[in-house]
């Protein structure tokens, strides 16, 4: 009798320890890829059902164990829903949470029937145990099924340690259920053992595949190098020729090309206008041949004409 009790507490210890590697990976590190939303909902609802079952049958080990695992499952579920927004849509929630809603309804109905009606606690516990066993069988399918259907999906959100602990815990609970004569316990644990072993096998093969995969060497493509010549900074006094106003033409009267020609004043160019390669060539108009118009007073002009027309 003491050995059976120890076996039950050993399974309880494994069950308490198994969700925390997944909590660390999903809640603390934010990795949720590969997790099934339906399995997460079941991981929250099933502990509630087993707590009710333990209260009806008077098994403290069931109550303690599933209280801890229920809190851990709730934390993982909330993280998955927050990280994957597509799972919060109405249709997705209806599909993934339907099984969990059924478990909670069965647990509440069994507890009410066992305590408030003449059905009795024993019959209510037997009914709830049958419901939990069937739900455990169905709830153990989504996670391995999703992994087997898509072998190329990202498995970073799955903790291998959690599933190895689950396999050990299910083995203990299966033995405990057989020893105590509880078909609901050993049947659900047996199905959970098969599910955990499938997940462990998938994770192990995925790890070996990633380890044995040779590194792909990508040849370097010949990328043409574009050589941009450096801009030479010219220290020469580059100048830009701009037309001057008419008032400045009196300063250089001998350079005017004619009465209608405008003189040009040379100014230093700005840095943006300076050429990049070499100095710019500044062209200047050549002075016109002949007599240039000299702007001066009328008396001076008369004297010039007299001197030109005077006989020699």
Protein backbone atom coordinates (compact mmCIF):
# COMPACT_ATOMS: atom_id res chain seq x y z
CA UNK A 1 0.00 0.00 0.00
CA UNK A 2 2.80 2.39 0.82
CA UNK A 3 4.57 1.56 -2.45
CA UNK A 4 1.42 2.44 -4.43
CA UNK A 5 1.13 5.75 -2.57
CA UNK A 6 4.79 6.48 -3.26
CA UNK A 7 4.24 5.68 -6.93
CA UNK A 8 1.37 8.14 -7.02
CA UNK A 9 3.42 10.88 -5.39
CA UNK A 10 6.30 10.14 -7.75
CA UNK A 11 3.97 10.62 -10.70
CA UNK A 12 2.70 13.78 -9.04
CA UNK A 13 6.23 15.13 -8.67
CA UNK A 14 6.95 14.47 -12.36
CA UNK A 15 3.65 16.06 -13.36
CA UNK A 16 4.45 19.15 -11.28
CA UNK A 17 7.90 19.45 -12.83
CA UNK A 18 7.01 18.74 -16.46
CA UNK A 19 5.25 22.02 -17.48
CA UNK A 20 7.93 24.40 -16.22
CA UNK A 21 10.48 23.86 -19.03
CA UNK A 22 7.70 24.80 -21.44
CA UNK A 23 6.80 27.80 -19.30
CA UNK A 24 10.40 28.95 -19.39
CA UNK A 25 10.65 28.57 -23.15
CA UNK A 26 7.28 30.11 -24.00
CA UNK A 27 6.57 32.64 -21.25
CA UNK A 28 10.07 33.75 -20.29
CA UNK A 29 11.70 33.55 -23.73
CA UNK A 30 8.65 34.17 -25.91
CA UNK A 31 8.98 31.09 -28.15
CA UNK A 32 5.58 29.69 -29.15
CA UNK A 33 6.23 28.27 -32.62
CA UNK A 34 5.04 24.70 -33.01
CA UNK A 35 2.57 24.76 -30.12
CA UNK A 36 -0.98 23.64 -30.83
CA UNK A 37 -3.68 26.02 -29.63
CA UNK A 38 -6.06 23.12 -28.98
CA UNK A 39 -3.44 21.32 -26.87
CA UNK A 40 -2.84 24.52 -24.87
CA UNK A 41 -6.55 24.88 -24.16
CA UNK A 42 -6.68 21.25 -23.08
CA UNK A 43 -3.62 21.80 -20.87
CA UNK A 44 -5.62 24.41 -18.99
CA UNK A 45 -9.00 22.69 -18.81
CA UNK A 46 -7.88 19.13 -18.03
CA UNK A 47 -6.24 20.05 -14.69
CA UNK A 48 -9.51 21.67 -13.63
CA UNK A 49 -11.34 18.44 -14.44
CA UNK A 50 -8.80 16.32 -12.54
CA UNK A 51 -8.98 18.66 -9.55
CA UNK A 52 -12.75 18.12 -9.47
CA UNK A 53 -12.21 14.38 -9.83
CA UNK A 54 -9.76 14.40 -6.93
CA UNK A 55 -12.20 16.31 -4.75
CA UNK A 56 -14.97 13.84 -5.52
CA UNK A 57 -12.79 10.77 -4.85
CA UNK A 58 -10.85 12.28 -1.95
CA UNK A 59 -7.41 11.97 -3.59
CA UNK A 60 -5.20 14.81 -2.40
CA UNK A 61 -2.45 13.90 -4.81
CA UNK A 62 -4.72 14.69 -7.78
CA UNK A 63 -5.71 18.07 -6.32
CA UNK A 64 -2.14 19.21 -5.55
CA UNK A 65 -0.66 18.00 -8.80
CA UNK A 66 -3.26 19.46 -11.13
CA UNK A 67 -3.37 22.78 -9.31
CA UNK A 68 0.28 23.40 -10.16
CA UNK A 69 0.01 22.08 -13.71
CA UNK A 70 -3.15 24.10 -14.30
CA UNK A 71 -1.42 27.35 -13.39
CA UNK A 72 1.49 26.51 -15.70
CA UNK A 73 -0.87 25.55 -18.53
CA UNK A 74 -2.80 28.80 -18.14
CA UNK A 75 0.42 30.82 -18.38
CA UNK A 76 1.43 29.03 -21.60
CA UNK A 77 -2.04 29.47 -23.09
CA UNK A 78 -2.10 33.21 -22.41
CA UNK A 79 1.37 33.61 -23.94
CA UNK A 80 0.41 31.67 -27.08
CA UNK A 81 -2.71 33.79 -27.57
CA UNK A 82 -0.74 37.01 -27.11
CA UNK A 83 2.10 36.01 -29.42
CA UNK A 84 -0.07 34.58 -32.20
CA UNK A 85 -2.81 37.07 -32.96
CA UNK A 86 -4.39 34.85 -35.62
CA UNK A 87 -5.47 32.44 -32.86
CA UNK A 88 -7.63 35.11 -31.23
CA UNK A 89 -10.15 35.28 -34.06
CA UNK A 90 -13.68 34.04 -33.40
CA UNK A 91 -13.49 31.02 -35.67
CA UNK A 92 -10.10 29.88 -34.34
CA UNK A 93 -11.24 30.24 -30.74
CA UNK A 94 -14.42 28.30 -31.45
CA UNK A 95 -12.48 25.39 -32.92
CA UNK A 96 -9.57 25.29 -30.46
CA UNK A 97 -11.49 25.94 -27.24
CA UNK A 98 -14.49 23.70 -27.90
CA UNK A 99 -12.97 20.67 -26.17
CA UNK A 100 -11.85 22.72 -23.18
CA UNK A 101 -15.33 24.16 -22.79
CA UNK A 102 -16.77 20.63 -22.79
CA UNK A 103 -14.36 19.53 -20.06
CA UNK A 104 -15.20 22.51 -17.85
CA UNK A 105 -18.92 21.92 -18.35
CA UNK A 106 -18.58 18.24 -17.43
CA UNK A 107 -16.51 19.08 -14.34
CA UNK A 108 -19.01 21.67 -13.12
CA UNK A 109 -21.97 19.38 -13.82
CA UNK A 110 -20.37 16.41 -12.06
CA UNK A 111 -19.49 18.46 -8.99
CA UNK A 112 -23.00 19.88 -8.78
CA UNK A 113 -24.60 16.48 -9.32
CA UNK A 114 -22.41 14.76 -6.74
CA UNK A 115 -22.97 17.34 -4.01
CA UNK A 116 -26.49 18.59 -4.62
CA UNK A 117 -28.43 15.60 -5.98
CA UNK A 118 -29.06 11.99 -5.05
CA UNK A 119 -26.76 10.65 -7.75
CA UNK A 120 -23.94 10.37 -5.28
CA UNK A 121 -20.29 11.30 -5.31
CA UNK A 122 -19.16 7.90 -6.56
CA UNK A 123 -21.33 7.93 -9.67
CA UNK A 124 -20.50 11.55 -10.39
CA UNK A 125 -16.78 10.79 -10.08
CA UNK A 126 -17.12 7.74 -12.37
CA UNK A 127 -18.94 9.84 -14.98
CA UNK A 128 -16.37 12.63 -14.77
CA UNK A 129 -13.52 10.12 -14.97
CA UNK A 130 -14.97 8.64 -18.16
CA UNK A 131 -15.33 12.10 -19.66
CA UNK A 132 -11.75 13.00 -18.71
CA UNK A 133 -10.41 9.74 -20.13
CA UNK A 134 -12.15 10.30 -23.47
CA UNK A 135 -11.04 13.94 -23.51
CA UNK A 136 -7.46 12.93 -22.70
CA UNK A 137 -7.48 10.53 -25.63
CA UNK A 138 -8.81 13.20 -27.97
CA UNK A 139 -6.68 15.95 -26.41
CA UNK A 140 -3.48 13.98 -26.87
CA UNK A 141 -3.97 13.85 -30.64
CA UNK A 142 -3.67 17.54 -31.81
CA UNK A 143 -0.06 18.17 -30.80
CA UNK A 144 1.57 15.07 -32.37
CA UNK A 145 -0.81 15.26 -35.32
CA UNK A 146 0.21 18.85 -36.11
CA UNK A 147 3.87 17.84 -35.94
CA UNK A 148 3.41 14.82 -38.20
CA UNK A 149 1.37 16.73 -40.78
CA UNK A 150 4.01 19.41 -41.26
CA UNK A 151 7.53 18.14 -40.66
CA UNK A 152 9.10 21.38 -41.93
CA UNK A 153 7.50 23.72 -39.41
CA UNK A 154 9.45 25.66 -36.83
CA UNK A 155 9.74 23.67 -33.56
CA UNK A 156 11.51 26.36 -31.55
CA UNK A 157 8.54 26.70 -29.21
CA UNK A 158 8.59 23.06 -28.06
CA UNK A 159 10.67 22.09 -25.04
CA UNK A 160 12.14 18.56 -25.39
CA UNK A 161 12.62 18.28 -21.61
CA UNK A 162 8.94 18.93 -21.02
CA UNK A 163 7.90 16.02 -23.26
CA UNK A 164 10.45 13.60 -21.80
CA UNK A 165 9.10 14.43 -18.35
CA UNK A 166 5.58 13.96 -19.68
CA UNK A 167 6.47 10.47 -20.89
CA UNK A 168 7.89 9.57 -17.48
CA UNK A 169 4.90 11.05 -15.63
CA UNK A 170 2.40 9.22 -17.83
CA UNK A 171 4.23 5.96 -17.22
CA UNK A 172 3.95 6.50 -13.48
CA UNK A 173 0.27 7.44 -13.64
CA UNK A 174 -0.50 4.47 -15.86
CA UNK A 175 1.07 2.13 -13.32
CA UNK A 176 -0.70 3.91 -10.47
CA UNK A 177 -4.07 3.65 -12.19
CA UNK A 178 -3.60 -0.05 -12.85
CA UNK A 179 -2.55 -0.67 -9.21
CA UNK A 180 -5.51 1.25 -7.75
CA UNK A 181 -8.07 -0.03 -10.24
CA UNK A 182 -8.94 3.32 -11.80
CA UNK A 183 -9.50 2.80 -15.55
CA UNK A 184 -9.90 6.52 -16.20
CA UNK A 185 -6.44 7.21 -14.77
CA UNK A 186 -4.45 4.48 -16.50
CA UNK A 187 -6.27 4.78 -19.84
CA UNK A 188 -5.74 8.54 -20.13
CA UNK A 189 -2.14 8.15 -18.96
CA UNK A 190 -1.53 5.46 -21.56
CA UNK A 191 -2.76 7.68 -24.37
CA UNK A 192 -0.70 10.57 -23.00
CA UNK A 193 2.36 8.33 -22.95
CA UNK A 194 1.94 7.51 -26.62
CA UNK A 195 1.46 11.17 -27.50
CA UNK A 196 4.55 12.24 -25.52
CA UNK A 197 6.70 9.56 -27.15
CA UNK A 198 5.63 10.68 -30.63
CA UNK A 199 6.52 14.30 -29.86
CA UNK A 200 9.88 13.25 -28.41
CA UNK A 201 10.62 11.22 -31.53
CA UNK A 202 9.76 14.15 -33.81
CA UNK A 203 11.95 16.53 -31.81
CA UNK A 204 14.82 14.04 -31.76
CA UNK A 205 14.73 13.42 -35.52
CA UNK A 206 14.44 17.15 -36.22
CA UNK A 207 17.49 17.83 -34.09
CA UNK A 208 19.50 15.11 -35.82
CA UNK A 209 18.46 16.40 -39.24
CA UNK A 210 19.56 19.92 -38.42
CA UNK A 211 22.83 18.66 -36.97
CA UNK A 212 23.67 16.38 -39.91
CA UNK A 213 22.68 18.88 -42.59
CA UNK A 214 25.85 20.01 -44.44
CA UNK A 215 26.57 23.63 -44.62
CA UNK A 216 25.62 25.13 -47.95
CA UNK A 217 28.48 27.03 -49.52
CA UNK A 218 27.25 29.83 -51.68
CA UNK A 219 29.86 30.98 -54.24
CA UNK A 220 30.62 34.60 -54.14
CA UNK A 221 29.16 36.37 -57.12
CA UNK A 222 31.36 38.69 -59.11
CA UNK A 223 30.08 42.05 -58.13
CA UNK A 224 31.47 44.76 -60.40
CA UNK A 225 33.22 47.41 -58.47
CA UNK A 226 32.28 50.95 -59.34
CA UNK A 227 35.30 53.19 -58.93
CA UNK A 228 34.32 56.75 -58.33
CA UNK A 229 37.22 59.15 -58.93
CA UNK A 230 37.93 61.46 -56.08
CA UNK A 231 37.06 65.05 -56.72
CA UNK A 232 40.16 67.17 -56.96
CA UNK A 233 40.07 70.30 -54.92
CA UNK A 234 41.36 73.15 -57.04
CA UNK A 235 43.09 75.97 -55.32
CA UNK A 236 43.16 78.11 -58.49
CA UNK A 237 41.20 81.31 -58.56
CA UNK A 238 38.40 80.15 -60.81
CA UNK A 239 36.22 83.02 -61.87
CA UNK A 240 32.78 83.30 -63.38
CA UNK A 241 32.11 86.05 -65.89
CA UNK A 242 28.81 87.80 -65.33
CA UNK A 243 27.30 90.81 -67.16
CA UNK A 244 27.70 94.06 -65.27
CA UNK A 245 25.34 96.89 -65.00
CA UNK A 246 25.50 99.89 -67.31
CA UNK A 247 26.81 102.11 -64.54
CA UNK A 248 30.01 100.07 -64.29
CA UNK A 249 30.86 100.55 -68.00
CA UNK A 250 32.29 104.00 -67.21
CA UNK A 251 35.07 102.35 -65.21
CA UNK A 252 36.52 100.55 -68.26
CA UNK A 253 35.48 102.61 -71.35
CA UNK A 254 38.22 101.26 -73.60
CA UNK A 255 37.05 97.62 -73.31
CA UNK A 256 33.57 98.24 -74.61
CA UNK A 257 32.91 96.58 -77.94
CA UNK A 258 30.51 99.26 -79.04
CA UNK A 259 27.75 101.52 -77.94
CA UNK A 260 25.33 98.62 -77.39
CA UNK A 261 27.81 96.16 -75.89
CA UNK A 262 27.68 95.56 -72.18
CA UNK A 263 30.85 95.26 -70.18
CA UNK A 264 31.36 92.22 -67.97
CA UNK A 265 32.73 92.12 -64.45
CA UNK A 266 34.73 89.16 -63.26
CA UNK A 267 33.75 87.80 -59.80
CA UNK A 268 35.10 84.83 -57.82
CA UNK A 269 32.96 81.75 -58.22
CA UNK A 270 31.37 79.93 -55.31
CA UNK A 271 32.46 76.46 -54.26
CA UNK A 272 29.44 74.82 -55.90
CA UNK A 273 30.14 76.44 -59.26
CA UNK A 274 33.79 75.47 -59.40
CA UNK A 275 34.64 72.66 -61.81
CA UNK A 276 35.70 69.30 -60.43
CA UNK A 277 38.53 68.54 -62.87
CA UNK A 278 40.98 71.34 -63.52
CA UNK A 279 40.53 75.06 -63.79
CA UNK A 280 37.81 76.63 -65.89
CA UNK A 281 38.73 78.68 -68.95
CA UNK A 282 37.36 82.17 -68.78
CA UNK A 283 36.82 83.82 -72.14
CA UNK A 284 36.80 87.56 -72.54
CA UNK A 285 35.48 89.50 -75.52
CA UNK A 286 38.11 91.17 -77.64
CA UNK A 287 37.87 94.94 -77.95
CA UNK A 288 36.48 96.14 -81.25
CA UNK A 289 38.79 97.91 -83.65
CA UNK A 290 38.20 101.51 -84.46
CA UNK A 291 37.28 104.53 -82.49
CA UNK A 292 35.63 103.63 -79.18
CA UNK A 293 32.92 105.77 -77.78
CA UNK A 294 34.24 107.68 -74.82
CA UNK A 295 31.53 108.90 -72.50
CA UNK A 296 32.54 112.34 -71.37
CA UNK A 297 31.28 115.88 -71.32
CA UNK A 298 30.18 117.65 -74.59
CA UNK A 299 33.05 120.16 -74.36
CA UNK A 300 35.67 117.42 -74.28
CA UNK A 301 34.06 115.74 -77.28
CA UNK A 302 34.13 118.99 -79.26
CA UNK A 303 37.78 119.48 -78.56
CA UNK A 304 38.56 116.02 -79.79
CA UNK A 305 36.71 116.61 -83.05
CA UNK A 306 38.46 119.90 -83.62
CA UNK A 307 41.82 118.33 -83.19
CA UNK A 308 40.92 115.59 -85.62
CA UNK A 309 39.66 118.04 -88.31
CA UNK A 310 42.33 120.67 -87.95
CA UNK A 311 44.59 120.95 -90.99
CA UNK A 312 48.08 119.74 -90.59
